[in-house]
Protein backbone atom coordinates (compact mmCIF):
# COMPACT_ATOMS: atom_id res chain seq x y z
CA UNK A 1 0.00 0.00 0.00
CA UNK A 2 1.14 3.51 -0.64
CA UNK A 3 1.89 5.77 2.31
CA UNK A 4 -1.25 7.85 1.72
CA UNK A 5 -3.39 4.71 1.94
CA UNK A 6 -1.64 3.06 4.88
CA UNK A 7 -4.06 1.34 7.22
CA UNK A 8 -3.61 1.50 10.98
CA UNK A 9 -5.02 -1.35 13.07
CA UNK A 10 -7.12 0.16 15.85
CA UNK A 11 -8.84 -2.70 17.73
CA UNK A 12 -11.04 -5.77 17.30
CA UNK A 13 -14.75 -5.47 16.63
CA UNK A 14 -15.61 -7.46 19.76
CA UNK A 15 -13.93 -4.80 21.92
CA UNK A 16 -16.60 -2.19 21.08
CA UNK A 17 -20.16 -2.95 22.18
CA UNK A 18 -23.16 -1.53 20.35
CA UNK A 19 -23.87 2.02 21.56
CA UNK A 20 -20.52 2.20 23.36
CA UNK A 21 -17.04 3.59 22.77
CA UNK A 22 -13.49 2.62 23.66
CA UNK A 23 -10.36 4.74 23.86
CA UNK A 24 -7.44 3.54 21.77
CA UNK A 25 -3.92 4.98 21.68
CA UNK A 26 -1.84 3.96 18.66
CA UNK A 27 0.91 5.51 16.55
CA UNK A 28 0.70 8.83 18.39
CA UNK A 29 -3.08 9.08 17.98
CA UNK A 30 -5.63 9.11 20.81
CA UNK A 31 -8.87 7.82 19.32
CA UNK A 32 -12.44 7.01 20.28
CA UNK A 33 -13.91 3.97 18.52
CA UNK A 34 -17.73 3.82 18.46
CA UNK A 35 -20.25 1.22 17.33
CA UNK A 36 -23.53 2.72 16.11
CA UNK A 37 -26.22 0.49 14.60
CA UNK A 38 -23.65 -2.19 13.78
CA UNK A 39 -21.20 0.18 12.07
CA UNK A 40 -17.89 1.36 13.47
CA UNK A 41 -16.71 4.97 13.57
CA UNK A 42 -13.41 6.45 14.73
CA UNK A 43 -12.83 10.02 15.87
CA UNK A 44 -10.22 11.86 17.86
CA UNK A 45 -10.90 11.14 21.53
CA UNK A 46 -10.26 14.66 22.81
CA UNK A 47 -13.11 17.15 22.57
CA UNK A 48 -12.34 20.16 20.35
CA UNK A 49 -13.57 22.49 23.13
CA UNK A 50 -11.62 21.22 26.14
CA UNK A 51 -9.86 18.29 27.75
CA UNK A 52 -12.89 15.97 27.78
CA UNK A 53 -12.49 12.35 26.64
CA UNK A 54 -15.26 11.50 24.18
CA UNK A 55 -14.89 7.77 24.78
CA UNK A 56 -16.07 8.53 28.33
CA UNK A 57 -18.97 10.69 27.12
CA UNK A 58 -22.66 9.92 26.94
CA UNK A 59 -23.70 8.28 23.65
CA UNK A 60 -27.24 8.92 22.42
CA UNK A 61 -27.83 7.26 19.06
CA UNK A 62 -25.21 8.74 16.72
CA UNK A 63 -24.36 11.65 19.04
CA UNK A 64 -21.70 11.76 21.75
CA UNK A 65 -21.88 14.30 24.54
CA UNK A 66 -18.57 15.38 26.02
CA UNK A 67 -18.23 14.68 29.74
CA UNK A 68 -16.40 17.99 30.30
CA UNK A 69 -18.73 20.83 29.18
CA UNK A 70 -21.60 18.76 27.68
CA UNK A 71 -21.00 19.87 24.10
CA UNK A 72 -21.95 17.21 21.56
CA UNK A 73 -20.85 15.86 18.18
CA UNK A 74 -22.30 13.63 15.48
CA UNK A 75 -20.26 10.42 15.71
CA UNK A 76 -20.65 9.67 11.99
CA UNK A 77 -19.62 13.09 10.64
CA UNK A 78 -17.86 14.96 13.45
CA UNK A 79 -20.38 17.80 13.06
CA UNK A 80 -20.99 19.94 16.15
CA UNK A 81 -24.47 19.21 17.55
CA UNK A 82 -24.50 21.19 20.82
CA UNK A 83 -22.55 24.18 22.17
CA UNK A 84 -20.19 25.14 23.68
CA UNK A 85 -18.29 23.16 21.03
CA UNK A 86 -17.70 25.11 17.83
CA UNK A 87 -15.00 23.18 15.96
CA UNK A 88 -15.99 19.90 14.25
CA UNK A 89 -14.43 16.69 15.49
CA UNK A 90 -11.87 14.91 13.31
CA UNK A 91 -13.19 11.62 11.93
CA UNK A 92 -11.27 8.84 10.20
CA UNK A 93 -12.20 6.57 7.27
CA UNK A 94 -12.84 3.11 8.74
CA UNK A 95 -12.56 -0.33 7.21
CA UNK A 96 -13.26 -3.66 8.87
CA UNK A 97 -11.37 -6.76 7.76
CA UNK A 98 -12.41 -9.91 9.52
CA UNK A 99 -12.64 -8.91 13.17
CA UNK A 100 -10.11 -6.05 12.93
CA UNK A 101 -10.99 -2.34 12.69
CA UNK A 102 -8.61 -0.16 10.67
CA UNK A 103 -8.40 3.55 9.89
CA UNK A 104 -6.68 5.20 6.96
CA UNK A 105 -3.59 7.13 7.98
CA UNK A 106 -4.02 10.82 7.28
PDB file of N, CA and C in Angstrom:
ATOM      1  N   UNK A   1       0.831  -1.181   0.000  1.00  0.00           N
ATOM      2  CA  UNK A   1       0.000   0.000   0.000  1.00  0.00           C
ATOM      3  C   UNK A   1       0.869   1.237   0.000  1.00  0.00           C
ATOM      4  N   UNK A   2       0.389   2.267  -0.636  1.00  0.00           N
ATOM      5  CA  UNK A   2       1.142   3.514  -0.642  1.00  0.00           C
ATOM      6  C   UNK A   2       1.001   4.185   0.717  1.00  0.00           C
ATOM      7  N   UNK A   3       1.906   5.096   1.025  1.00  0.00           N
ATOM      8  CA  UNK A   3       1.892   5.775   2.307  1.00  0.00           C
ATOM      9  C   UNK A   3       0.596   6.511   2.572  1.00  0.00           C
ATOM     10  N   UNK A   4      -0.021   7.092   1.524  1.00  0.00           N
ATOM     11  CA  UNK A   4      -1.253   7.853   1.722  1.00  0.00           C
ATOM     12  C   UNK A   4      -2.436   6.943   2.005  1.00  0.00           C
ATOM     13  N   UNK A   5      -2.304   5.649   1.717  1.00  0.00           N
ATOM     14  CA  UNK A   5      -3.393   4.712   1.941  1.00  0.00           C
ATOM     15  C   UNK A   5      -3.073   3.711   3.044  1.00  0.00           C
ATOM     16  N   UNK A   6      -2.034   3.979   3.833  1.00  0.00           N
ATOM     17  CA  UNK A   6      -1.640   3.057   4.884  1.00  0.00           C
ATOM     18  C   UNK A   6      -2.772   2.882   5.886  1.00  0.00           C
ATOM     19  N   UNK A   7      -3.037   1.628   6.232  1.00  0.00           N
ATOM     20  CA  UNK A   7      -4.064   1.342   7.223  1.00  0.00           C
ATOM     21  C   UNK A   7      -3.418   1.141   8.587  1.00  0.00           C
ATOM     22  N   UNK A   8      -4.069   1.651   9.605  1.00  0.00           N
ATOM     23  CA  UNK A   8      -3.610   1.503  10.979  1.00  0.00           C
ATOM     24  C   UNK A   8      -4.617   0.629  11.709  1.00  0.00           C
ATOM     25  N   UNK A   9      -4.160  -0.477  12.278  1.00  0.00           N
ATOM     26  CA  UNK A   9      -5.024  -1.347  13.072  1.00  0.00           C
ATOM     27  C   UNK A   9      -5.369  -0.621  14.367  1.00  0.00           C
ATOM     28  N   UNK A  10      -6.656  -0.587  14.679  1.00  0.00           N
ATOM     29  CA  UNK A  10      -7.121   0.160  15.849  1.00  0.00           C
ATOM     30  C   UNK A  10      -7.505  -0.791  16.987  1.00  0.00           C
ATOM     31  N   UNK A  11      -8.412  -1.730  16.724  1.00  0.00           N
ATOM     32  CA  UNK A  11      -8.836  -2.699  17.734  1.00  0.00           C
ATOM     33  C   UNK A  11      -9.686  -3.762  17.055  1.00  0.00           C
ATOM     34  N   UNK A  12     -10.140  -4.735  17.820  1.00  0.00           N
ATOM     35  CA  UNK A  12     -11.038  -5.766  17.298  1.00  0.00           C
ATOM     36  C   UNK A  12     -12.484  -5.337  17.468  1.00  0.00           C
ATOM     37  N   UNK A  13     -13.343  -5.832  16.589  1.00  0.00           N
ATOM     38  CA  UNK A  13     -14.754  -5.466  16.630  1.00  0.00           C
ATOM     39  C   UNK A  13     -15.415  -5.881  17.947  1.00  0.00           C
ATOM     40  N   UNK A  14     -14.978  -6.996  18.523  1.00  0.00           N
ATOM     41  CA  UNK A  14     -15.610  -7.458  19.759  1.00  0.00           C
ATOM     42  C   UNK A  14     -15.217  -6.645  20.990  1.00  0.00           C
ATOM     43  N   UNK A  15     -14.325  -5.675  20.819  1.00  0.00           N
ATOM     44  CA  UNK A  15     -13.933  -4.801  21.923  1.00  0.00           C
ATOM     45  C   UNK A  15     -14.864  -3.601  22.072  1.00  0.00           C
ATOM     46  N   UNK A  16     -15.745  -3.377  21.079  1.00  0.00           N
ATOM     47  CA  UNK A  16     -16.601  -2.190  21.078  1.00  0.00           C
ATOM     48  C   UNK A  16     -18.058  -2.643  21.015  1.00  0.00           C
ATOM     49  N   UNK A  17     -18.751  -2.541  22.127  1.00  0.00           N
ATOM     50  CA  UNK A  17     -20.158  -2.955  22.184  1.00  0.00           C
ATOM     51  C   UNK A  17     -21.037  -1.940  21.469  1.00  0.00           C
ATOM     52  N   UNK A  18     -22.174  -2.404  20.981  1.00  0.00           N
ATOM     53  CA  UNK A  18     -23.160  -1.530  20.348  1.00  0.00           C
ATOM     54  C   UNK A  18     -23.534  -0.391  21.296  1.00  0.00           C
ATOM     55  N   UNK A  19     -23.505   0.855  20.762  1.00  0.00           N
ATOM     56  CA  UNK A  19     -23.870   2.018  21.562  1.00  0.00           C
ATOM     57  C   UNK A  19     -22.821   2.437  22.566  1.00  0.00           C
ATOM     58  N   UNK A  20     -21.607   1.893  22.427  1.00  0.00           N
ATOM     59  CA  UNK A  20     -20.519   2.198  23.358  1.00  0.00           C
ATOM     60  C   UNK A  20     -19.309   2.728  22.598  1.00  0.00           C
ATOM     61  N   UNK A  21     -18.293   3.122  23.358  1.00  0.00           N
ATOM     62  CA  UNK A  21     -17.037   3.589  22.774  1.00  0.00           C
ATOM     63  C   UNK A  21     -15.873   3.085  23.598  1.00  0.00           C
ATOM     64  N   UNK A  22     -14.726   2.948  22.959  1.00  0.00           N
ATOM     65  CA  UNK A  22     -13.488   2.623  23.662  1.00  0.00           C
ATOM     66  C   UNK A  22     -12.409   3.607  23.227  1.00  0.00           C
ATOM     67  N   UNK A  23     -11.511   3.875  24.138  1.00  0.00           N
ATOM     68  CA  UNK A  23     -10.364   4.744  23.862  1.00  0.00           C
ATOM     69  C   UNK A  23      -9.211   3.878  23.404  1.00  0.00           C
ATOM     70  N   UNK A  24      -8.570   4.280  22.313  1.00  0.00           N
ATOM     71  CA  UNK A  24      -7.437   3.543  21.771  1.00  0.00           C
ATOM     72  C   UNK A  24      -6.300   4.525  21.516  1.00  0.00           C
ATOM     73  N   UNK A  25      -5.104   4.172  21.961  1.00  0.00           N
ATOM     74  CA  UNK A  25      -3.921   4.979  21.677  1.00  0.00           C
ATOM     75  C   UNK A  25      -2.997   4.147  20.805  1.00  0.00           C
ATOM     76  N   UNK A  26      -2.707   4.666  19.594  1.00  0.00           N
ATOM     77  CA  UNK A  26      -1.841   3.960  18.661  1.00  0.00           C
ATOM     78  C   UNK A  26      -1.141   4.949  17.749  1.00  0.00           C
ATOM     79  N   UNK A  27       0.112   4.720  17.484  1.00  0.00           N
ATOM     80  CA  UNK A  27       0.915   5.509  16.551  1.00  0.00           C
ATOM     81  C   UNK A  27       0.763   7.014  16.775  1.00  0.00           C
ATOM     82  N   UNK A  28       0.779   7.420  18.036  1.00  0.00           N
ATOM     83  CA  UNK A  28       0.704   8.835  18.386  1.00  0.00           C
ATOM     84  C   UNK A  28      -0.696   9.433  18.326  1.00  0.00           C
ATOM     85  N   UNK A  29      -1.702   8.609  18.036  1.00  0.00           N
ATOM     86  CA  UNK A  29      -3.082   9.084  17.979  1.00  0.00           C
ATOM     87  C   UNK A  29      -3.832   8.625  19.227  1.00  0.00           C
ATOM     88  N   UNK A  30      -4.729   9.476  19.713  1.00  0.00           N
ATOM     89  CA  UNK A  30      -5.633   9.111  20.806  1.00  0.00           C
ATOM     90  C   UNK A  30      -7.031   9.158  20.205  1.00  0.00           C
ATOM     91  N   UNK A  31      -7.642   7.985  20.086  1.00  0.00           N
ATOM     92  CA  UNK A  31      -8.871   7.821  19.317  1.00  0.00           C
ATOM     93  C   UNK A  31     -10.022   7.316  20.174  1.00  0.00           C
ATOM     94  N   UNK A  32     -11.233   7.618  19.726  1.00  0.00           N
ATOM     95  CA  UNK A  32     -12.444   7.014  20.277  1.00  0.00           C
ATOM     96  C   UNK A  32     -13.044   6.162  19.168  1.00  0.00           C
ATOM     97  N   UNK A  33     -13.317   4.898  19.479  1.00  0.00           N
ATOM     98  CA  UNK A  33     -13.914   3.974  18.522  1.00  0.00           C
ATOM     99  C   UNK A  33     -15.336   3.690  18.995  1.00  0.00           C
ATOM    100  N   UNK A  34     -16.313   3.960  18.128  1.00  0.00           N
ATOM    101  CA  UNK A  34     -17.727   3.821  18.457  1.00  0.00           C
ATOM    102  C   UNK A  34     -18.362   2.732  17.604  1.00  0.00           C
ATOM    103  N   UNK A  35     -19.400   2.081  18.146  1.00  0.00           N
ATOM    104  CA  UNK A  35     -20.253   1.222  17.335  1.00  0.00           C
ATOM    105  C   UNK A  35     -21.669   1.792  17.404  1.00  0.00           C
ATOM    106  N   UNK A  36     -22.197   2.152  16.223  1.00  0.00           N
ATOM    107  CA  UNK A  36     -23.534   2.722  16.115  1.00  0.00           C
ATOM    108  C   UNK A  36     -24.297   1.925  15.066  1.00  0.00           C
ATOM    109  N   UNK A  37     -25.369   1.277  15.492  1.00  0.00           N
ATOM    110  CA  UNK A  37     -26.221   0.489  14.603  1.00  0.00           C
ATOM    111  C   UNK A  37     -25.417  -0.510  13.768  1.00  0.00           C
ATOM    112  N   UNK A  38     -24.442  -1.152  14.426  1.00  0.00           N
ATOM    113  CA  UNK A  38     -23.648  -2.192  13.785  1.00  0.00           C
ATOM    114  C   UNK A  38     -22.473  -1.700  12.962  1.00  0.00           C
ATOM    115  N   UNK A  39     -22.330  -0.389  12.807  1.00  0.00           N
ATOM    116  CA  UNK A  39     -21.200   0.178  12.065  1.00  0.00           C
ATOM    117  C   UNK A  39     -20.210   0.793  13.041  1.00  0.00           C
ATOM    118  N   UNK A  40     -18.944   0.833  12.622  1.00  0.00           N
ATOM    119  CA  UNK A  40     -17.887   1.364  13.471  1.00  0.00           C
ATOM    120  C   UNK A  40     -17.430   2.723  12.946  1.00  0.00           C
ATOM    121  N   UNK A  41     -17.162   3.621  13.889  1.00  0.00           N
ATOM    122  CA  UNK A  41     -16.712   4.974  13.574  1.00  0.00           C
ATOM    123  C   UNK A  41     -15.547   5.302  14.480  1.00  0.00           C
ATOM    124  N   UNK A  42     -14.587   6.060  13.943  1.00  0.00           N
ATOM    125  CA  UNK A  42     -13.415   6.448  14.725  1.00  0.00           C
ATOM    126  C   UNK A  42     -13.240   7.955  14.617  1.00  0.00           C
ATOM    127  N   UNK A  43     -13.073   8.584  15.789  1.00  0.00           N
ATOM    128  CA  UNK A  43     -12.832  10.024  15.870  1.00  0.00           C
ATOM    129  C   UNK A  43     -11.639  10.260  16.787  1.00  0.00           C
ATOM    130  N   UNK A  44     -11.158  11.503  16.806  1.00  0.00           N
ATOM    131  CA  UNK A  44     -10.215  11.865  17.860  1.00  0.00           C
ATOM    132  C   UNK A  44     -10.960  11.715  19.180  1.00  0.00           C
ATOM    133  N   UNK A  45     -10.254  11.333  20.229  1.00  0.00           N
ATOM    134  CA  UNK A  45     -10.903  11.141  21.528  1.00  0.00           C
ATOM    135  C   UNK A  45     -11.081  12.445  22.289  1.00  0.00           C
ATOM    136  N   UNK A  46     -10.217  13.414  22.051  1.00  0.00           N
ATOM    137  CA  UNK A  46     -10.265  14.659  22.809  1.00  0.00           C
ATOM    138  C   UNK A  46     -11.260  15.621  22.185  1.00  0.00           C
ATOM    139  N   UNK A  47     -12.135  16.155  23.008  1.00  0.00           N
ATOM    140  CA  UNK A  47     -13.112  17.150  22.570  1.00  0.00           C
ATOM    141  C   UNK A  47     -12.384  18.362  21.989  1.00  0.00           C
ATOM    142  N   UNK A  48     -12.961  18.986  20.970  1.00  0.00           N
ATOM    143  CA  UNK A  48     -12.336  20.163  20.353  1.00  0.00           C
ATOM    144  C   UNK A  48     -12.509  21.412  21.213  1.00  0.00           C
ATOM    145  N   UNK A  49     -13.300  21.331  22.281  1.00  0.00           N
ATOM    146  CA  UNK A  49     -13.568  22.493  23.135  1.00  0.00           C
ATOM    147  C   UNK A  49     -12.749  22.478  24.421  1.00  0.00           C
ATOM    148  N   UNK A  50     -12.350  21.312  24.878  1.00  0.00           N
ATOM    149  CA  UNK A  50     -11.622  21.222  26.140  1.00  0.00           C
ATOM    150  C   UNK A  50     -11.015  19.850  26.310  1.00  0.00           C
ATOM    151  N   UNK A  51     -10.589  19.542  27.525  1.00  0.00           N
ATOM    152  CA  UNK A  51      -9.857  18.288  27.751  1.00  0.00           C
ATOM    153  C   UNK A  51     -10.734  17.046  27.920  1.00  0.00           C
ATOM    154  N   UNK A  52     -12.004  17.117  27.600  1.00  0.00           N
ATOM    155  CA  UNK A  52     -12.887  15.967  27.780  1.00  0.00           C
ATOM    156  C   UNK A  52     -12.523  14.792  26.886  1.00  0.00           C
ATOM    157  N   UNK A  53     -12.715  13.581  27.400  1.00  0.00           N
ATOM    158  CA  UNK A  53     -12.487  12.352  26.642  1.00  0.00           C
ATOM    159  C   UNK A  53     -13.824  11.872  26.098  1.00  0.00           C
ATOM    160  N   UNK A  54     -13.976  11.866  24.783  1.00  0.00           N
ATOM    161  CA  UNK A  54     -15.259  11.503  24.182  1.00  0.00           C
ATOM    162  C   UNK A  54     -15.599  10.030  24.375  1.00  0.00           C
ATOM    163  N   UNK A  55     -14.600   9.179  24.532  1.00  0.00           N
ATOM    164  CA  UNK A  55     -14.890   7.767  24.781  1.00  0.00           C
ATOM    165  C   UNK A  55     -15.534   7.570  26.153  1.00  0.00           C
ATOM    166  N   UNK A  56     -15.443   8.576  27.011  1.00  0.00           N
ATOM    167  CA  UNK A  56     -16.072   8.530  28.331  1.00  0.00           C
ATOM    168  C   UNK A  56     -17.376   9.324  28.360  1.00  0.00           C
ATOM    169  N   UNK A  57     -17.770   9.874  27.198  1.00  0.00           N
ATOM    170  CA  UNK A  57     -18.968  10.690  27.125  1.00  0.00           C
ATOM    171  C   UNK A  57     -20.234   9.862  27.039  1.00  0.00           C
ATOM    172  N   UNK A  58     -21.353  10.556  27.029  1.00  0.00           N
ATOM    173  CA  UNK A  58     -22.663   9.924  26.936  1.00  0.00           C
ATOM    174  C   UNK A  58     -23.038   9.774  25.465  1.00  0.00           C
ATOM    175  N   UNK A  59     -23.362   8.553  25.046  1.00  0.00           N
ATOM    176  CA  UNK A  59     -23.704   8.283  23.652  1.00  0.00           C
ATOM    177  C   UNK A  59     -25.218   8.129  23.546  1.00  0.00           C
ATOM    178  N   UNK A  60     -25.800   8.951  22.676  1.00  0.00           N
ATOM    179  CA  UNK A  60     -27.237   8.920  22.420  1.00  0.00           C
ATOM    180  C   UNK A  60     -27.432   8.752  20.929  1.00  0.00           C
ATOM    181  N   UNK A  61     -27.708   7.523  20.497  1.00  0.00           N
ATOM    182  CA  UNK A  61     -27.831   7.261  19.055  1.00  0.00           C
ATOM    183  C   UNK A  61     -26.499   7.490  18.377  1.00  0.00           C
ATOM    184  N   UNK A  62     -26.470   8.438  17.412  1.00  0.00           N
ATOM    185  CA  UNK A  62     -25.208   8.738  16.722  1.00  0.00           C
ATOM    186  C   UNK A  62     -24.591  10.046  17.204  1.00  0.00           C
ATOM    187  N   UNK A  63     -24.914  10.436  18.448  1.00  0.00           N
ATOM    188  CA  UNK A  63     -24.364  11.649  19.043  1.00  0.00           C
ATOM    189  C   UNK A  63     -23.599  11.284  20.309  1.00  0.00           C
ATOM    190  N   UNK A  64     -22.448  11.935  20.502  1.00  0.00           N
ATOM    191  CA  UNK A  64     -21.700  11.758  21.745  1.00  0.00           C
ATOM    192  C   UNK A  64     -21.623  13.113  22.438  1.00  0.00           C
ATOM    193  N   UNK A  65     -21.942  13.090  23.727  1.00  0.00           N
ATOM    194  CA  UNK A  65     -21.881  14.297  24.537  1.00  0.00           C
ATOM    195  C   UNK A  65     -20.611  14.250  25.369  1.00  0.00           C
ATOM    196  N   UNK A  66     -19.823  15.300  25.271  1.00  0.00           N
ATOM    197  CA  UNK A  66     -18.566  15.378  26.022  1.00  0.00           C
ATOM    198  C   UNK A  66     -18.864  15.430  27.515  1.00  0.00           C
ATOM    199  N   UNK A  67     -18.046  14.730  28.290  1.00  0.00           N
ATOM    200  CA  UNK A  67     -18.228  14.683  29.739  1.00  0.00           C
ATOM    201  C   UNK A  67     -17.639  15.900  30.434  1.00  0.00           C
ATOM    202  N   UNK A  68     -17.067  16.841  29.691  1.00  0.00           N
ATOM    203  CA  UNK A  68     -16.404  17.991  30.304  1.00  0.00           C
ATOM    204  C   UNK A  68     -17.327  19.205  30.365  1.00  0.00           C
ATOM    205  N   UNK A  69     -17.820  19.675  29.218  1.00  0.00           N
ATOM    206  CA  UNK A  69     -18.728  20.829  29.178  1.00  0.00           C
ATOM    207  C   UNK A  69     -20.058  20.509  28.518  1.00  0.00           C
ATOM    208  N   UNK A  70     -20.332  19.218  28.242  1.00  0.00           N
ATOM    209  CA  UNK A  70     -21.598  18.760  27.682  1.00  0.00           C
ATOM    210  C   UNK A  70     -21.868  19.198  26.252  1.00  0.00           C
ATOM    211  N   UNK A  71     -20.845  19.649  25.536  1.00  0.00           N
ATOM    212  CA  UNK A  71     -20.998  19.872  24.102  1.00  0.00           C
ATOM    213  C   UNK A  71     -21.165  18.517  23.431  1.00  0.00           C
ATOM    214  N   UNK A  72     -21.684  18.498  22.202  1.00  0.00           N
ATOM    215  CA  UNK A  72     -21.952  17.214  21.561  1.00  0.00           C
ATOM    216  C   UNK A  72     -21.584  17.241  20.085  1.00  0.00           C
ATOM    217  N   UNK A  73     -21.257  16.043  19.573  1.00  0.00           N
ATOM    218  CA  UNK A  73     -20.847  15.856  18.182  1.00  0.00           C
ATOM    219  C   UNK A  73     -21.613  14.703  17.558  1.00  0.00           C
ATOM    220  N   UNK A  74     -21.790  14.766  16.240  1.00  0.00           N
ATOM    221  CA  UNK A  74     -22.300  13.631  15.483  1.00  0.00           C
ATOM    222  C   UNK A  74     -21.140  12.658  15.319  1.00  0.00           C
ATOM    223  N   UNK A  75     -21.316  11.428  15.762  1.00  0.00           N
ATOM    224  CA  UNK A  75     -20.258  10.416  15.708  1.00  0.00           C
ATOM    225  C   UNK A  75     -19.896  10.078  14.259  1.00  0.00           C
ATOM    226  N   UNK A  76     -20.882  10.055  13.384  1.00  0.00           N
ATOM    227  CA  UNK A  76     -20.646   9.670  11.986  1.00  0.00           C
ATOM    228  C   UNK A  76     -19.871  10.721  11.201  1.00  0.00           C
ATOM    229  N   UNK A  77     -20.167  12.014  11.467  1.00  0.00           N
ATOM    230  CA  UNK A  77     -19.616  13.086  10.635  1.00  0.00           C
ATOM    231  C   UNK A  77     -18.646  14.019  11.354  1.00  0.00           C
ATOM    232  N   UNK A  78     -18.671  14.022  12.679  1.00  0.00           N
ATOM    233  CA  UNK A  78     -17.861  14.964  13.454  1.00  0.00           C
ATOM    234  C   UNK A  78     -18.506  16.325  13.609  1.00  0.00           C
ATOM    235  N   UNK A  79     -19.685  16.518  13.002  1.00  0.00           N
ATOM    236  CA  UNK A  79     -20.380  17.804  13.058  1.00  0.00           C
ATOM    237  C   UNK A  79     -20.747  18.158  14.498  1.00  0.00           C
ATOM    238  N   UNK A  80     -20.593  19.454  14.833  1.00  0.00           N
ATOM    239  CA  UNK A  80     -20.989  19.944  16.152  1.00  0.00           C
ATOM    240  C   UNK A  80     -22.511  19.906  16.250  1.00  0.00           C
ATOM    241  N   UNK A  81     -23.021  19.307  17.337  1.00  0.00           N
ATOM    242  CA  UNK A  81     -24.466  19.208  17.552  1.00  0.00           C
ATOM    243  C   UNK A  81     -24.955  20.115  18.682  1.00  0.00           C
ATOM    244  N   UNK A  82     -24.110  20.378  19.668  1.00  0.00           N
ATOM    245  CA  UNK A  82     -24.500  21.194  20.817  1.00  0.00           C
ATOM    246  C   UNK A  82     -23.327  22.067  21.263  1.00  0.00           C
ATOM    247  N   UNK A  83     -23.597  23.340  21.609  1.00  0.00           N
ATOM    248  CA  UNK A  83     -22.549  24.183  22.174  1.00  0.00           C
ATOM    249  C   UNK A  83     -22.169  23.685  23.568  1.00  0.00           C
ATOM    250  N   UNK A  84     -21.036  24.044  24.109  1.00  0.00           N
ATOM    251  CA  UNK A  84     -20.193  25.142  23.679  1.00  0.00           C
ATOM    252  C   UNK A  84     -19.193  24.776  22.580  1.00  0.00           C
ATOM    253  N   UNK A  85     -19.207  23.542  22.098  1.00  0.00           N
ATOM    254  CA  UNK A  85     -18.287  23.155  21.030  1.00  0.00           C
ATOM    255  C   UNK A  85     -18.597  23.969  19.773  1.00  0.00           C
ATOM    256  N   UNK A  86     -17.538  24.361  19.061  1.00  0.00           N
ATOM    257  CA  UNK A  86     -17.702  25.112  17.825  1.00  0.00           C
ATOM    258  C   UNK A  86     -16.931  24.496  16.674  1.00  0.00           C
ATOM    259  N   UNK A  87     -15.861  23.770  16.978  1.00  0.00           N
ATOM    260  CA  UNK A  87     -15.004  23.182  15.956  1.00  0.00           C
ATOM    261  C   UNK A  87     -15.393  21.726  15.759  1.00  0.00           C
ATOM    262  N   UNK A  88     -15.641  21.309  14.503  1.00  0.00           N
ATOM    263  CA  UNK A  88     -15.992  19.905  14.255  1.00  0.00           C
ATOM    264  C   UNK A  88     -14.897  18.952  14.742  1.00  0.00           C
ATOM    265  N   UNK A  89     -15.307  17.746  15.015  1.00  0.00           N
ATOM    266  CA  UNK A  89     -14.430  16.688  15.491  1.00  0.00           C
ATOM    267  C   UNK A  89     -13.806  15.967  14.299  1.00  0.00           C
ATOM    268  N   UNK A  90     -12.520  15.649  14.386  1.00  0.00           N
ATOM    269  CA  UNK A  90     -11.872  14.913  13.307  1.00  0.00           C
ATOM    270  C   UNK A  90     -12.358  13.469  13.298  1.00  0.00           C
ATOM    271  N   UNK A  91     -12.768  13.011  12.117  1.00  0.00           N
ATOM    272  CA  UNK A  91     -13.190  11.624  11.932  1.00  0.00           C
ATOM    273  C   UNK A  91     -12.213  10.938  10.982  1.00  0.00           C
ATOM    274  N   UNK A  92     -12.187   9.616  11.021  1.00  0.00           N
ATOM    275  CA  UNK A  92     -11.265   8.841  10.197  1.00  0.00           C
ATOM    276  C   UNK A  92     -12.033   7.833   9.347  1.00  0.00           C
ATOM    277  N   UNK A  93     -11.597   7.627   8.082  1.00  0.00           N
ATOM    278  CA  UNK A  93     -12.197   6.569   7.265  1.00  0.00           C
ATOM    279  C   UNK A  93     -11.905   5.203   7.900  1.00  0.00           C
ATOM    280  N   UNK A  94     -12.949   4.404   8.052  1.00  0.00           N
ATOM    281  CA  UNK A  94     -12.845   3.111   8.738  1.00  0.00           C
ATOM    282  C   UNK A  94     -13.055   1.973   7.750  1.00  0.00           C
ATOM    283  N   UNK A  95     -12.283   0.913   7.929  1.00  0.00           N
ATOM    284  CA  UNK A  95     -12.564  -0.330   7.211  1.00  0.00           C
ATOM    285  C   UNK A  95     -12.450  -1.471   8.212  1.00  0.00           C
ATOM    286  N   UNK A  96     -13.276  -2.487   8.011  1.00  0.00           N
ATOM    287  CA  UNK A  96     -13.262  -3.660   8.872  1.00  0.00           C
ATOM    288  C   UNK A  96     -12.862  -4.846   8.012  1.00  0.00           C
ATOM    289  N   UNK A  97     -11.838  -5.555   8.455  1.00  0.00           N
ATOM    290  CA  UNK A  97     -11.366  -6.756   7.762  1.00  0.00           C
ATOM    291  C   UNK A  97     -11.371  -7.887   8.768  1.00  0.00           C
ATOM    292  N   UNK A  98     -12.246  -8.850   8.534  1.00  0.00           N
ATOM    293  CA  UNK A  98     -12.414  -9.913   9.519  1.00  0.00           C
ATOM    294  C   UNK A  98     -12.960  -9.301  10.792  1.00  0.00           C
ATOM    295  N   UNK A  99     -12.233  -9.469  11.881  1.00  0.00           N
ATOM    296  CA  UNK A  99     -12.644  -8.909  13.175  1.00  0.00           C
ATOM    297  C   UNK A  99     -11.822  -7.681  13.560  1.00  0.00           C
ATOM    298  N   UNK A 100     -11.024  -7.160  12.622  1.00  0.00           N
ATOM    299  CA  UNK A 100     -10.113  -6.054  12.926  1.00  0.00           C
ATOM    300  C   UNK A 100     -10.640  -4.745  12.332  1.00  0.00           C
ATOM    301  N   UNK A 101     -10.614  -3.680  13.139  1.00  0.00           N
ATOM    302  CA  UNK A 101     -10.991  -2.337  12.693  1.00  0.00           C
ATOM    303  C   UNK A 101      -9.721  -1.584  12.330  1.00  0.00           C
ATOM    304  N   UNK A 102      -9.732  -0.961  11.160  1.00  0.00           N
ATOM    305  CA  UNK A 102      -8.608  -0.165  10.671  1.00  0.00           C
ATOM    306  C   UNK A 102      -9.087   1.242  10.349  1.00  0.00           C
ATOM    307  N   UNK A 103      -8.153   2.211  10.423  1.00  0.00           N
ATOM    308  CA  UNK A 103      -8.402   3.545   9.891  1.00  0.00           C
ATOM    309  C   UNK A 103      -7.340   3.836   8.838  1.00  0.00           C
ATOM    310  N   UNK A 104      -7.666   4.735   7.932  1.00  0.00           N
ATOM    311  CA  UNK A 104      -6.684   5.196   6.962  1.00  0.00           C
ATOM    312  C   UNK A 104      -5.819   6.263   7.616  1.00  0.00           C
ATOM    313  N   UNK A 105      -4.523   6.119   7.458  1.00  0.00           N
ATOM    314  CA  UNK A 105      -3.590   7.126   7.976  1.00  0.00           C
ATOM    315  C   UNK A 105      -3.820   8.418   7.203  1.00  0.00           C
ATOM    316  N   UNK A 106      -3.789   9.519   7.915  1.00  0.00           N
ATOM    317  CA  UNK A 106      -4.018  10.825   7.279  1.00  0.00           C
ATOM    318  C   UNK A 106      -2.802  11.685   7.462  1.00  0.00           C
TER     319      UNK A 106
END
